[in-house]
Amino acid sequence: SCSGEPVAYAGKELQQAIITVTGPGQVFVIPDVAYINIGVRSTGDTVVEAIAQNNEQAQAIQYALTQEGIEEKDIQTSNFNVYQQSDYDYQGNPTRTYYSVENTVYVTVVKIDQLGDILDAVARSGANNIYGVNFDIQDKSEAPKAARELAVQAAQKQAQELAAAAGIELGELLMISSSPTSTTQYYGYGYGMGGGGGMDESVPIASGQMPINAQVEVSYEIK
């Protein structure tokens, strides 16, 4: 945008026109960490029975995770619920009252090339709820820097092209600002295992690439 109105920068009023442009920058990175919510749901006629069954399944799942190389510090309980449920007949009369227990752990996987084997192992060990697999990167310093550099280059190029098209000459750089970089996480698919006994083959998982986005705004004076 161009303006002939006075604009204040750093406490000084500029009488000359300015040109302001916004440049985008984007780089793609390969995820190196994955996060999974793995849950087990159990039922019983009493709270004690439901919890005992759930504890047994949860321990089996944790053992399966550690056998796959997941460290205990990367397995955190994220949800534990106990609630009463009832079944009803066609007239709405309760036919059975029982208890459900849900236990979910949040798992960090740094060896994502083994993710399919890990999901298969926990499914076979009794996990009947696996929520969306989220991919991310651990070091978020270099990629955003590269994205901002590309955004600056794009903004400078855009300003020069606009100036050339308008037959004007760019002067001093008056202002440059950067919006926070954003990372678009890749979300895999979640699924429930129900009462099945796992899968015949390892779950196919593709982490793909993740875009890191930056945006920079620059303003130049017009000579």
Protein backbone atom coordinates (compact mmCIF):
# COMPACT_ATOMS: atom_id res chain seq x y z
CA SER A 1 0.00 0.00 0.00
CA CYS A 2 1.14 3.54 -0.71
CA SER A 3 0.23 6.62 1.26
CA GLY A 4 1.07 10.30 1.07
CA GLU A 5 -0.15 10.98 4.58
CA PRO A 6 2.26 11.70 7.45
CA VAL A 7 3.22 8.48 9.23
CA ALA A 8 4.91 8.30 12.63
CA TYR A 9 7.86 5.91 13.05
CA ALA A 10 10.09 5.85 16.14
CA GLY A 11 8.66 9.15 17.30
CA LYS A 12 9.29 10.96 14.01
CA GLU A 13 6.66 12.15 11.57
CA LEU A 14 7.41 11.30 7.96
CA GLN A 15 5.89 13.51 5.30
CA GLN A 16 6.86 11.33 2.36
CA ALA A 17 4.77 8.47 1.03
CA ILE A 18 5.54 4.94 2.05
CA ILE A 19 4.99 1.49 0.64
CA THR A 20 4.09 -1.45 2.89
CA VAL A 21 4.01 -5.08 1.86
CA THR A 22 3.60 -8.46 3.54
CA GLY A 23 5.68 -11.46 2.57
CA PRO A 24 4.98 -15.12 3.37
CA GLY A 25 7.58 -17.77 4.04
CA GLN A 26 7.12 -21.52 4.29
CA VAL A 27 9.44 -24.46 4.82
CA PHE A 28 8.64 -28.14 5.17
CA VAL A 29 10.13 -30.42 7.80
CA ILE A 30 9.94 -34.13 8.47
CA PRO A 31 8.37 -34.88 11.88
CA ASP A 32 10.63 -36.59 14.40
CA VAL A 33 8.18 -37.20 17.26
CA ALA A 34 4.64 -38.50 17.60
CA TYR A 35 2.08 -38.24 20.40
CA ILE A 36 -0.66 -40.81 20.95
CA ASN A 37 -3.54 -41.18 23.38
CA ILE A 38 -3.94 -44.86 24.14
CA GLY A 39 -6.91 -45.95 26.22
CA VAL A 40 -8.55 -49.02 27.63
CA ARG A 41 -12.21 -49.22 28.64
CA SER A 42 -13.42 -51.96 30.98
CA THR A 43 -16.80 -52.84 32.48
CA GLY A 44 -17.90 -54.79 35.56
CA ASP A 45 -20.91 -55.40 37.72
CA THR A 46 -19.15 -53.57 40.58
CA VAL A 47 -16.67 -50.70 40.72
CA VAL A 48 -14.05 -52.99 42.24
CA GLU A 49 -14.46 -55.54 39.44
CA ALA A 50 -14.30 -52.90 36.70
CA ILE A 51 -11.20 -51.22 38.16
CA ALA A 52 -9.42 -54.53 38.72
CA GLN A 53 -10.00 -55.57 35.11
CA ASN A 54 -8.93 -52.16 33.85
CA ASN A 55 -5.75 -52.17 35.93
CA GLU A 56 -4.78 -55.54 34.52
CA GLN A 57 -5.28 -54.35 30.93
CA ALA A 58 -3.53 -51.02 31.59
CA GLN A 59 -0.49 -52.81 33.01
CA ALA A 60 -0.37 -55.05 29.95
CA ILE A 61 -0.43 -52.01 27.70
CA GLN A 62 2.34 -50.27 29.64
CA TYR A 63 4.44 -53.42 29.51
CA ALA A 64 3.92 -53.63 25.75
CA LEU A 65 5.02 -50.01 25.38
CA THR A 66 8.20 -50.50 27.39
CA GLN A 67 8.96 -53.66 25.41
CA GLU A 68 8.79 -51.52 22.27
CA GLY A 69 11.41 -49.16 23.70
CA ILE A 70 9.15 -46.43 25.12
CA GLU A 71 10.63 -44.95 28.31
CA GLU A 72 8.41 -44.75 31.38
CA LYS A 73 8.81 -40.94 31.50
CA ASP A 74 7.14 -40.79 28.08
CA ILE A 75 4.02 -42.58 29.32
CA GLN A 76 1.70 -40.27 31.28
CA THR A 77 -1.84 -40.86 32.50
CA SER A 78 -4.04 -38.25 30.84
CA ASN A 79 -7.51 -39.45 31.81
CA PHE A 80 -9.10 -41.81 34.34
CA ASN A 81 -12.87 -42.05 34.70
CA VAL A 82 -15.26 -44.32 36.59
CA TYR A 83 -18.97 -44.02 35.87
CA GLN A 84 -22.20 -45.95 36.23
CA GLN A 85 -24.19 -47.12 33.22
CA SER A 86 -27.53 -48.83 32.69
CA ASP A 87 -29.12 -50.90 29.94
CA TYR A 88 -32.84 -50.49 29.22
CA ASP A 89 -35.55 -52.56 27.59
CA TYR A 90 -37.86 -51.31 24.86
CA GLN A 91 -40.18 -49.78 27.47
CA GLY A 92 -37.38 -47.78 29.05
CA ASN A 93 -37.06 -49.93 32.14
CA PRO A 94 -33.52 -50.59 33.40
CA THR A 95 -32.45 -54.20 32.83
CA ARG A 96 -28.86 -53.96 34.07
CA THR A 97 -26.71 -51.50 35.96
CA TYR A 98 -22.93 -51.79 35.70
CA TYR A 99 -19.76 -49.71 35.92
CA SER A 100 -17.30 -48.55 33.27
CA VAL A 101 -13.70 -47.53 33.83
CA GLU A 102 -11.67 -45.61 31.26
CA ASN A 103 -7.92 -45.18 31.56
CA THR A 104 -5.97 -43.22 28.94
CA VAL A 105 -2.23 -42.63 28.71
CA TYR A 106 -0.47 -39.97 26.66
CA VAL A 107 2.55 -41.51 24.94
CA THR A 108 5.50 -39.74 23.34
CA VAL A 109 7.18 -41.70 20.55
CA VAL A 110 10.57 -40.45 19.36
CA LYS A 111 11.25 -43.41 17.07
CA ILE A 112 8.38 -42.75 14.71
CA ASP A 113 9.66 -45.27 12.18
CA GLN A 114 8.53 -47.88 14.74
CA LEU A 115 5.13 -46.29 15.29
CA GLY A 116 3.21 -48.91 13.33
CA ASP A 117 4.75 -51.72 15.38
CA ILE A 118 4.00 -49.84 18.62
CA LEU A 119 0.33 -49.34 17.74
CA ASP A 120 0.04 -52.98 16.76
CA ALA A 121 1.64 -54.11 20.03
CA VAL A 122 -0.66 -52.05 22.26
CA ALA A 123 -3.73 -53.11 20.29
CA ARG A 124 -2.78 -56.75 20.80
CA SER A 125 -2.17 -56.12 24.52
CA GLY A 126 -5.73 -54.87 25.08
CA ALA A 127 -5.97 -51.21 24.08
CA ASN A 128 -9.47 -50.64 22.69
CA ASN A 129 -9.26 -46.88 22.11
CA ILE A 130 -6.40 -45.20 20.26
CA TYR A 131 -6.97 -41.51 19.66
CA GLY A 132 -5.48 -39.47 16.83
CA VAL A 133 -1.75 -39.74 16.24
CA ASN A 134 -0.19 -36.26 16.23
CA PHE A 135 3.17 -35.67 14.53
CA ASP A 136 5.48 -32.82 15.46
CA ILE A 137 9.14 -31.73 15.52
CA GLN A 138 11.19 -31.49 18.71
CA ASP A 139 13.56 -28.68 17.71
CA LYS A 140 11.56 -25.70 16.51
CA SER A 141 14.38 -23.18 16.22
CA GLU A 142 15.97 -23.71 12.81
CA ALA A 143 12.87 -24.22 10.67
CA PRO A 144 11.07 -21.02 11.84
CA LYS A 145 14.30 -19.06 11.24
CA ALA A 146 14.46 -20.35 7.68
CA ALA A 147 10.76 -19.54 7.17
CA ARG A 148 11.27 -15.95 8.39
CA GLU A 149 14.25 -15.50 6.06
CA LEU A 150 12.13 -16.61 3.12
CA ALA A 151 9.35 -14.24 4.23
CA VAL A 152 11.77 -11.29 4.33
CA GLN A 153 13.03 -12.13 0.85
CA ALA A 154 9.46 -12.41 -0.43
CA ALA A 155 8.49 -9.05 1.12
CA GLN A 156 11.55 -7.29 -0.30
CA LYS A 157 10.92 -8.74 -3.75
CA GLN A 158 7.27 -7.74 -3.64
CA ALA A 159 8.14 -4.17 -2.62
CA GLN A 160 10.67 -3.88 -5.45
CA GLU A 161 8.18 -5.25 -7.99
CA LEU A 162 5.47 -2.83 -6.85
CA ALA A 163 7.88 0.08 -6.97
CA ALA A 164 9.01 -0.85 -10.48
CA ALA A 165 5.42 -1.24 -11.66
CA ALA A 166 4.51 2.17 -10.24
CA GLY A 167 7.64 3.84 -11.62
CA ILE A 168 8.92 4.85 -8.20
CA GLU A 169 12.12 4.24 -6.28
CA LEU A 170 12.33 2.68 -2.84
CA GLY A 171 14.09 4.59 -0.10
CA GLU A 172 15.03 3.60 3.44
CA LEU A 173 13.58 0.60 5.19
CA LEU A 174 11.33 2.17 7.83
CA MET A 175 9.80 -0.80 9.57
CA ILE A 176 9.91 -4.57 9.64
CA SER A 177 7.75 -6.83 11.78
CA SER A 178 7.25 -10.56 12.00
CA SER A 179 4.15 -12.49 13.01
CA PRO A 180 4.69 -15.56 15.20
CA THR A 181 5.61 -18.61 13.17
CA SER A 182 3.03 -21.36 13.03
CA THR A 183 3.41 -25.10 12.77
CA THR A 184 0.66 -27.13 11.19
CA GLN A 185 0.60 -30.43 13.04
CA TYR A 186 -0.18 -33.55 11.09
CA TYR A 187 -2.99 -35.57 12.60
CA GLY A 188 -3.19 -39.27 11.90
CA TYR A 189 -6.32 -41.31 12.26
CA GLY A 190 -7.62 -42.66 15.56
CA TYR A 191 -9.65 -45.81 15.88
CA GLY A 192 -11.29 -48.10 18.39
CA MET A 193 -10.21 -51.72 18.59
CA GLY A 194 -13.44 -52.93 20.18
CA GLY A 195 -13.15 -56.45 21.42
CA GLY A 196 -10.80 -57.62 18.69
CA GLY A 197 -7.51 -59.28 19.35
CA GLY A 198 -5.28 -56.89 17.45
CA MET A 199 -4.31 -56.97 13.79
CA ASP A 200 -2.57 -59.44 11.53
CA GLU A 201 -0.09 -56.85 10.24
CA SER A 202 1.58 -53.76 11.62
CA VAL A 203 -0.45 -50.58 11.31
CA PRO A 204 0.75 -48.54 8.30
CA ILE A 205 1.61 -45.00 9.43
CA ALA A 206 3.01 -42.20 7.23
CA SER A 207 4.25 -39.06 8.97
CA GLY A 208 4.63 -37.03 5.78
CA GLN A 209 5.91 -33.44 6.01
CA MET A 210 4.86 -30.51 8.16
CA PRO A 211 4.76 -26.89 6.94
CA ILE A 212 6.30 -24.13 9.08
CA ASN A 213 4.78 -20.76 8.17
CA ALA A 214 6.07 -17.23 8.78
CA GLN A 215 4.86 -13.78 7.77
CA VAL A 216 6.84 -10.55 7.64
CA GLU A 217 5.62 -7.00 7.01
CA VAL A 218 8.02 -4.32 5.74
CA SER A 219 7.61 -0.62 5.02
CA TYR A 220 9.86 1.52 2.80
CA GLU A 221 9.88 5.21 2.16
CA ILE A 222 9.33 6.29 -1.43
CA LYS A 223 11.99 8.61 -2.82
